PDB file of all heavy atoms in Angstrom:
ATOM      1  N   THR A   1     -17.162  -6.801-178.809  1.00  0.00           N
ATOM      2  CA  THR A   1     -15.640  -6.840-179.019  1.00  0.00           C
ATOM      3  C   THR A   1     -14.989  -5.722-178.127  1.00  0.00           C
ATOM      4  O   THR A   1     -13.798  -5.608-178.130  1.00  0.00           O
ATOM      5  CB  THR A   1     -15.302  -6.448-180.456  1.00  0.00           C
ATOM      6  OG1 THR A   1     -15.763  -5.133-180.807  1.00  0.00           O
ATOM      7  CG2 THR A   1     -16.061  -7.498-181.378  1.00  0.00           C
ATOM      8  N   HIS A   2     -15.844  -4.854-177.545  1.00  0.00           N
ATOM      9  CA  HIS A   2     -15.292  -3.809-176.729  1.00  0.00           C
ATOM     10  C   HIS A   2     -14.962  -4.324-175.369  1.00  0.00           C
ATOM     11  O   HIS A   2     -15.713  -4.194-174.324  1.00  0.00           O
ATOM     12  CB  HIS A   2     -16.198  -2.669-176.650  1.00  0.00           C
ATOM     13  CG  HIS A   2     -15.783  -1.446-175.947  1.00  0.00           C
ATOM     14  ND1 HIS A   2     -16.515  -0.501-175.398  1.00  0.00           N
ATOM     15  CD2 HIS A   2     -14.546  -0.983-175.668  1.00  0.00           C
ATOM     16  CE1 HIS A   2     -15.907   0.534-174.866  1.00  0.00           C
ATOM     17  NE2 HIS A   2     -14.641   0.171-175.034  1.00  0.00           N
ATOM     18  N   ASP A   3     -13.805  -4.992-175.202  1.00  0.00           N
ATOM     19  CA  ASP A   3     -13.347  -5.669-173.982  1.00  0.00           C
ATOM     20  C   ASP A   3     -13.576  -4.753-172.732  1.00  0.00           C
ATOM     21  O   ASP A   3     -13.032  -3.669-172.751  1.00  0.00           O
ATOM     22  CB  ASP A   3     -11.909  -6.110-174.075  1.00  0.00           C
ATOM     23  CG  ASP A   3     -11.653  -7.133-175.085  1.00  0.00           C
ATOM     24  OD1 ASP A   3     -12.577  -8.001-175.293  1.00  0.00           O
ATOM     25  OD2 ASP A   3     -10.607  -7.079-175.747  1.00  0.00           O
ATOM     26  N   ARG A   4     -14.167  -5.259-171.743  1.00  0.00           N
ATOM     27  CA  ARG A   4     -14.271  -4.566-170.505  1.00  0.00           C
ATOM     28  C   ARG A   4     -13.192  -4.874-169.493  1.00  0.00           C
ATOM     29  O   ARG A   4     -12.919  -4.129-168.559  1.00  0.00           O
ATOM     30  CB  ARG A   4     -15.628  -4.864-169.858  1.00  0.00           C
ATOM     31  CG  ARG A   4     -16.772  -3.918-170.249  1.00  0.00           C
ATOM     32  CD  ARG A   4     -17.152  -3.971-171.616  1.00  0.00           C
ATOM     33  NE  ARG A   4     -18.337  -3.135-172.005  1.00  0.00           N
ATOM     34  CZ  ARG A   4     -18.894  -3.104-173.149  1.00  0.00           C
ATOM     35  NH1 ARG A   4     -18.295  -3.822-174.292  1.00  0.00           N
ATOM     36  NH2 ARG A   4     -19.919  -2.265-173.435  1.00  0.00           N
ATOM     37  N   GLY A   5     -12.546  -6.026-169.703  1.00  0.00           N
ATOM     38  CA  GLY A   5     -11.336  -6.369-168.853  1.00  0.00           C
ATOM     39  C   GLY A   5     -10.224  -5.392-169.240  1.00  0.00           C
ATOM     40  O   GLY A   5     -10.187  -4.727-170.228  1.00  0.00           O
ATOM     41  N   PHE A   6      -9.186  -5.428-168.398  1.00  0.00           N
ATOM     42  CA  PHE A   6      -7.971  -4.561-168.678  1.00  0.00           C
ATOM     43  C   PHE A   6      -7.324  -4.912-169.973  1.00  0.00           C
ATOM     44  O   PHE A   6      -7.033  -3.951-170.725  1.00  0.00           O
ATOM     45  CB  PHE A   6      -7.010  -4.765-167.467  1.00  0.00           C
ATOM     46  CG  PHE A   6      -5.682  -4.123-167.648  1.00  0.00           C
ATOM     47  CD1 PHE A   6      -5.595  -2.747-167.391  1.00  0.00           C
ATOM     48  CD2 PHE A   6      -4.671  -4.730-168.285  1.00  0.00           C
ATOM     49  CE1 PHE A   6      -4.297  -2.059-167.503  1.00  0.00           C
ATOM     50  CE2 PHE A   6      -3.408  -4.010-168.390  1.00  0.00           C
ATOM     51  CZ  PHE A   6      -3.255  -2.693-168.084  1.00  0.00           C
ATOM     52  N   ALA A   7      -7.148  -6.181-170.185  1.00  0.00           N
ATOM     53  CA  ALA A   7      -6.224  -6.639-171.288  1.00  0.00           C
ATOM     54  C   ALA A   7      -7.133  -6.719-172.579  1.00  0.00           C
ATOM     55  O   ALA A   7      -8.292  -7.196-172.666  1.00  0.00           O
ATOM     56  CB  ALA A   7      -5.646  -7.879-171.119  1.00  0.00           C
ATOM     57  N   MET A   8      -6.624  -6.280-173.679  1.00  0.00           N
ATOM     58  CA  MET A   8      -7.270  -6.441-175.045  1.00  0.00           C
ATOM     59  C   MET A   8      -7.095  -7.881-175.523  1.00  0.00           C
ATOM     60  O   MET A   8      -6.018  -8.328-175.616  1.00  0.00           O
ATOM     61  CB  MET A   8      -6.710  -5.457-176.019  1.00  0.00           C
ATOM     62  CG  MET A   8      -7.041  -4.013-175.818  1.00  0.00           C
ATOM     63  SD  MET A   8      -6.252  -2.876-177.023  1.00  0.00           S
ATOM     64  CE  MET A   8      -6.949  -3.408-178.570  1.00  0.00           C
ATOM     65  N   THR A   9      -8.269  -8.526-175.707  1.00  0.00           N
ATOM     66  CA  THR A   9      -8.244  -9.865-176.295  1.00  0.00           C
ATOM     67  C   THR A   9      -9.155 -10.002-177.471  1.00  0.00           C
ATOM     68  O   THR A   9      -8.660  -9.954-178.626  1.00  0.00           O
ATOM     69  CB  THR A   9      -8.674 -10.846-175.060  1.00  0.00           C
ATOM     70  OG1 THR A   9      -9.958 -10.456-174.592  1.00  0.00           O
ATOM     71  CG2 THR A   9      -7.618 -10.982-174.040  1.00  0.00           C
ATOM     72  N   THR A  10     -10.480 -10.011-177.233  1.00  0.00           N
ATOM     73  CA  THR A  10     -11.446  -9.965-178.343  1.00  0.00           C
ATOM     74  C   THR A  10     -11.152  -8.814-179.302  1.00  0.00           C
ATOM     75  O   THR A  10     -11.273  -8.918-180.535  1.00  0.00           O
ATOM     76  CB  THR A  10     -12.835 -10.035-177.881  1.00  0.00           C
ATOM     77  OG1 THR A  10     -13.156 -11.225-177.202  1.00  0.00           O
ATOM     78  CG2 THR A  10     -13.817 -10.027-179.019  1.00  0.00           C
ATOM     79  N   SER A  11     -10.896  -7.644-178.693  1.00  0.00           N
ATOM     80  CA  SER A  11     -10.796  -6.412-179.506  1.00  0.00           C
ATOM     81  C   SER A  11      -9.635  -6.474-180.486  1.00  0.00           C
ATOM     82  O   SER A  11      -9.553  -6.110-181.617  1.00  0.00           O
ATOM     83  CB  SER A  11     -10.681  -5.208-178.572  1.00  0.00           C
ATOM     84  OG  SER A  11      -9.682  -5.329-177.608  1.00  0.00           O
ATOM     85  N   PHE A  12      -8.495  -7.161-179.930  1.00  0.00           N
ATOM     86  CA  PHE A  12      -7.337  -7.254-180.745  1.00  0.00           C
ATOM     87  C   PHE A  12      -7.552  -8.143-181.949  1.00  0.00           C
ATOM     88  O   PHE A  12      -7.355  -7.822-183.084  1.00  0.00           O
ATOM     89  CB  PHE A  12      -6.195  -7.904-179.920  1.00  0.00           C
ATOM     90  CG  PHE A  12      -4.927  -8.282-180.803  1.00  0.00           C
ATOM     91  CD1 PHE A  12      -4.026  -7.396-181.245  1.00  0.00           C
ATOM     92  CD2 PHE A  12      -4.822  -9.660-181.064  1.00  0.00           C
ATOM     93  CE1 PHE A  12      -3.013  -7.785-182.028  1.00  0.00           C
ATOM     94  CE2 PHE A  12      -3.709 -10.000-181.871  1.00  0.00           C
ATOM     95  CZ  PHE A  12      -2.773  -9.066-182.288  1.00  0.00           C
ATOM     96  N   THR A  13      -8.120  -9.319-181.746  1.00  0.00           N
ATOM     97  CA  THR A  13      -8.324 -10.277-182.860  1.00  0.00           C
ATOM     98  C   THR A  13      -9.379  -9.686-183.818  1.00  0.00           C
ATOM     99  O   THR A  13      -9.371  -9.948-185.062  1.00  0.00           O
ATOM    100  CB  THR A  13      -8.707 -11.744-182.338  1.00  0.00           C
ATOM    101  OG1 THR A  13      -9.839 -11.619-181.561  1.00  0.00           O
ATOM    102  CG2 THR A  13      -7.503 -12.326-181.639  1.00  0.00           C
ATOM    103  N   SER A  14     -10.456  -9.133-183.245  1.00  0.00           N
ATOM    104  CA  SER A  14     -11.522  -8.653-184.112  1.00  0.00           C
ATOM    105  C   SER A  14     -11.086  -7.524-185.024  1.00  0.00           C
ATOM    106  O   SER A  14     -11.517  -7.491-186.177  1.00  0.00           O
ATOM    107  CB  SER A  14     -12.723  -8.212-183.223  1.00  0.00           C
ATOM    108  OG  SER A  14     -13.204  -9.335-182.553  1.00  0.00           O
ATOM    109  N   MET A  15     -10.376  -6.520-184.455  1.00  0.00           N
ATOM    110  CA  MET A  15      -9.800  -5.437-185.238  1.00  0.00           C
ATOM    111  C   MET A  15      -8.857  -5.973-186.393  1.00  0.00           C
ATOM    112  O   MET A  15      -8.856  -5.492-187.505  1.00  0.00           O
ATOM    113  CB  MET A  15      -9.221  -4.330-184.440  1.00  0.00           C
ATOM    114  CG  MET A  15     -10.249  -3.532-183.717  1.00  0.00           C
ATOM    115  SD  MET A  15      -9.524  -2.035-182.883  1.00  0.00           S
ATOM    116  CE  MET A  15      -8.622  -2.631-181.496  1.00  0.00           C
ATOM    117  N   LEU A  16      -7.993  -6.844-186.002  1.00  0.00           N
ATOM    118  CA  LEU A  16      -7.142  -7.524-186.924  1.00  0.00           C
ATOM    119  C   LEU A  16      -7.930  -8.176-188.053  1.00  0.00           C
ATOM    120  O   LEU A  16      -7.507  -7.982-189.278  1.00  0.00           O
ATOM    121  CB  LEU A  16      -6.177  -8.554-186.211  1.00  0.00           C
ATOM    122  CG  LEU A  16      -5.169  -9.389-187.097  1.00  0.00           C
ATOM    123  CD1 LEU A  16      -4.162  -8.563-187.779  1.00  0.00           C
ATOM    124  CD2 LEU A  16      -4.503 -10.412-186.197  1.00  0.00           C
ATOM    125  N   LEU A  17      -8.870  -8.926-187.683  1.00  0.00           N
ATOM    126  CA  LEU A  17      -9.648  -9.648-188.696  1.00  0.00           C
ATOM    127  C   LEU A  17     -10.361  -8.580-189.566  1.00  0.00           C
ATOM    128  O   LEU A  17     -10.489  -8.866-190.753  1.00  0.00           O
ATOM    129  CB  LEU A  17     -10.530 -10.643-188.003  1.00  0.00           C
ATOM    130  CG  LEU A  17     -11.581 -11.411-188.947  1.00  0.00           C
ATOM    131  CD1 LEU A  17     -10.768 -12.160-190.058  1.00  0.00           C
ATOM    132  CD2 LEU A  17     -12.384 -12.329-188.122  1.00  0.00           C
ATOM    133  N   ALA A  18     -11.005  -7.532-189.057  1.00  0.00           N
ATOM    134  CA  ALA A  18     -11.765  -6.736-189.772  1.00  0.00           C
ATOM    135  C   ALA A  18     -10.881  -6.030-190.823  1.00  0.00           C
ATOM    136  O   ALA A  18     -11.318  -5.826-192.024  1.00  0.00           O
ATOM    137  CB  ALA A  18     -12.376  -5.575-188.827  1.00  0.00           C
ATOM    138  N   ALA A  19      -9.662  -5.618-190.407  1.00  0.00           N
ATOM    139  CA  ALA A  19      -8.791  -4.903-191.341  1.00  0.00           C
ATOM    140  C   ALA A  19      -8.339  -5.949-192.464  1.00  0.00           C
ATOM    141  O   ALA A  19      -8.306  -5.523-193.588  1.00  0.00           O
ATOM    142  CB  ALA A  19      -7.609  -4.353-190.614  1.00  0.00           C
ATOM    143  N   ALA A  20      -7.988  -7.189-192.085  1.00  0.00           N
ATOM    144  CA  ALA A  20      -7.556  -8.081-193.026  1.00  0.00           C
ATOM    145  C   ALA A  20      -8.630  -8.475-194.015  1.00  0.00           C
ATOM    146  O   ALA A  20      -8.269  -8.548-195.256  1.00  0.00           O
ATOM    147  CB  ALA A  20      -7.074  -9.387-192.346  1.00  0.00           C
ATOM    148  N   SER A  21      -9.861  -8.389-193.551  1.00  0.00           N
ATOM    149  CA  SER A  21     -10.980  -8.635-194.533  1.00  0.00           C
ATOM    150  C   SER A  21     -11.268  -7.477-195.371  1.00  0.00           C
ATOM    151  O   SER A  21     -11.579  -7.533-196.539  1.00  0.00           O
ATOM    152  CB  SER A  21     -12.243  -9.007-193.639  1.00  0.00           C
ATOM    153  OG  SER A  21     -12.034 -10.179-192.889  1.00  0.00           O
ATOM    154  N   ALA A  22     -11.163  -6.255-194.795  1.00  0.00           N
ATOM    155  CA  ALA A  22     -11.448  -4.969-195.526  1.00  0.00           C
ATOM    156  C   ALA A  22     -10.499  -4.866-196.668  1.00  0.00           C
ATOM    157  O   ALA A  22     -10.811  -4.496-197.759  1.00  0.00           O
ATOM    158  CB  ALA A  22     -11.385  -3.793-194.611  1.00  0.00           C
ATOM    159  N   PHE A  23      -9.213  -5.148-196.451  1.00  0.00           N
ATOM    160  CA  PHE A  23      -8.239  -5.022-197.493  1.00  0.00           C
ATOM    161  C   PHE A  23      -8.061  -6.211-198.406  1.00  0.00           C
ATOM    162  O   PHE A  23      -7.288  -6.226-199.266  1.00  0.00           O
ATOM    163  CB  PHE A  23      -6.815  -4.668-196.817  1.00  0.00           C
ATOM    164  CG  PHE A  23      -6.739  -3.282-196.454  1.00  0.00           C
ATOM    165  CD1 PHE A  23      -6.743  -3.013-195.001  1.00  0.00           C
ATOM    166  CD2 PHE A  23      -6.488  -2.211-197.274  1.00  0.00           C
ATOM    167  CE1 PHE A  23      -6.714  -1.715-194.523  1.00  0.00           C
ATOM    168  CE2 PHE A  23      -6.491  -0.943-196.740  1.00  0.00           C
ATOM    169  CZ  PHE A  23      -6.521  -0.621-195.551  1.00  0.00           C
ATOM    170  N   GLY A  24      -8.794  -7.277-197.973  1.00  0.00           N
ATOM    171  CA  GLY A  24      -8.821  -8.453-198.839  1.00  0.00           C
ATOM    172  C   GLY A  24      -7.541  -9.368-198.699  1.00  0.00           C
ATOM    173  O   GLY A  24      -7.330 -10.243-199.520  1.00  0.00           O
ATOM    174  N   VAL A  25      -6.675  -9.166-197.697  1.00  0.00           N
ATOM    175  CA  VAL A  25      -5.539  -9.961-197.431  1.00  0.00           C
ATOM    176  C   VAL A  25      -5.926 -11.248-196.809  1.00  0.00           C
ATOM    177  O   VAL A  25      -5.133 -12.237-196.834  1.00  0.00           O
ATOM    178  CB  VAL A  25      -4.390  -9.267-196.625  1.00  0.00           C
ATOM    179  CG1 VAL A  25      -3.839  -8.121-197.445  1.00  0.00           C
ATOM    180  CG2 VAL A  25      -4.963  -8.805-195.279  1.00  0.00           C
ATOM    181  N   LEU A  26      -7.177 -11.407-196.276  1.00  0.00           N
ATOM    182  CA  LEU A  26      -7.767 -12.652-195.926  1.00  0.00           C
ATOM    183  C   LEU A  26      -9.042 -12.786-196.762  1.00  0.00           C
ATOM    184  O   LEU A  26      -9.877 -11.889-196.643  1.00  0.00           O
ATOM    185  CB  LEU A  26      -8.072 -12.790-194.458  1.00  0.00           C
ATOM    186  CG  LEU A  26      -6.945 -13.027-193.519  1.00  0.00           C
ATOM    187  CD1 LEU A  26      -7.372 -13.112-192.114  1.00  0.00           C
ATOM    188  CD2 LEU A  26      -6.195 -14.442-193.903  1.00  0.00           C
ATOM    189  N   PRO A  27      -9.324 -13.901-197.477  1.00  0.00           N
ATOM    190  CA  PRO A  27     -10.429 -14.051-198.330  1.00  0.00           C
ATOM    191  C   PRO A  27     -11.609 -14.377-197.379  1.00  0.00           C
ATOM    192  O   PRO A  27     -11.509 -14.823-196.150  1.00  0.00           O
ATOM    193  CB  PRO A  27     -10.166 -15.127-199.220  1.00  0.00           C
ATOM    194  CG  PRO A  27      -9.125 -16.027-198.445  1.00  0.00           C
ATOM    195  CD  PRO A  27      -8.295 -15.019-197.667  1.00  0.00           C
ATOM    196  N   PRO A  28     -12.867 -14.218-197.911  1.00  0.00           N
ATOM    197  CA  PRO A  28     -14.044 -14.627-197.042  1.00  0.00           C
ATOM    198  C   PRO A  28     -13.944 -16.010-196.808  1.00  0.00           C
ATOM    199  O   PRO A  28     -13.601 -16.929-197.479  1.00  0.00           O
ATOM    200  CB  PRO A  28     -15.226 -14.375-198.098  1.00  0.00           C
ATOM    201  CG  PRO A  28     -14.730 -13.333-199.014  1.00  0.00           C
ATOM    202  CD  PRO A  28     -13.335 -13.656-199.098  1.00  0.00           C
ATOM    203  N   GLY A  29     -14.237 -16.336-195.435  1.00  0.00           N
ATOM    204  CA  GLY A  29     -14.266 -17.699-194.989  1.00  0.00           C
ATOM    205  C   GLY A  29     -12.939 -18.221-194.414  1.00  0.00           C
ATOM    206  O   GLY A  29     -12.754 -19.342-193.990  1.00  0.00           O
ATOM    207  N   ALA A  30     -12.028 -17.358-194.470  1.00  0.00           N
ATOM    208  CA  ALA A  30     -10.615 -17.784-194.054  1.00  0.00           C
ATOM    209  C   ALA A  30     -10.378 -18.163-192.678  1.00  0.00           C
ATOM    210  O   ALA A  30      -9.397 -18.889-192.371  1.00  0.00           O
ATOM    211  CB  ALA A  30      -9.624 -16.580-194.405  1.00  0.00           C
ATOM    212  N   THR A  31     -11.347 -17.817-191.779  1.00  0.00           N
ATOM    213  CA  THR A  31     -11.204 -18.071-190.358  1.00  0.00           C
ATOM    214  C   THR A  31     -11.999 -19.277-189.937  1.00  0.00           C
ATOM    215  O   THR A  31     -12.006 -19.624-188.785  1.00  0.00           O
ATOM    216  CB  THR A  31     -11.814 -16.818-189.452  1.00  0.00           C
ATOM    217  OG1 THR A  31     -13.163 -16.749-189.862  1.00  0.00           O
ATOM    218  CG2 THR A  31     -10.970 -15.668-189.857  1.00  0.00           C
ATOM    219  N   ALA A  32     -12.724 -19.974-190.827  1.00  0.00           N
ATOM    220  CA  ALA A  32     -13.431 -21.116-190.475  1.00  0.00           C
ATOM    221  C   ALA A  32     -12.654 -22.141-189.715  1.00  0.00           C
ATOM    222  O   ALA A  32     -13.053 -22.522-188.598  1.00  0.00           O
ATOM    223  CB  ALA A  32     -14.203 -21.753-191.660  1.00  0.00           C
ATOM    224  N   GLU A  33     -11.574 -22.565-190.371  1.00  0.00           N
ATOM    225  CA  GLU A  33     -10.735 -23.696-189.702  1.00  0.00           C
ATOM    226  C   GLU A  33     -10.017 -23.169-188.551  1.00  0.00           C
ATOM    227  O   GLU A  33      -9.890 -23.817-187.483  1.00  0.00           O
ATOM    228  CB  GLU A  33      -9.875 -24.234-190.707  1.00  0.00           C
ATOM    229  CG  GLU A  33     -10.615 -25.147-191.719  1.00  0.00           C
ATOM    230  CD  GLU A  33      -9.672 -25.814-192.811  1.00  0.00           C
ATOM    231  OE1 GLU A  33      -8.536 -25.465-192.848  1.00  0.00           O
ATOM    232  OE2 GLU A  33     -10.160 -26.768-193.483  1.00  0.00           O
TER     233      GLU A  33
END
């Protein structure tokens, strides 16, 4: 997730998802679809 390119791509979505999961605003399995 530590993007080596200039622009943040994977790092943006991964940190967003990690926080949403940590605080429970997205339940487990919410990203499957």
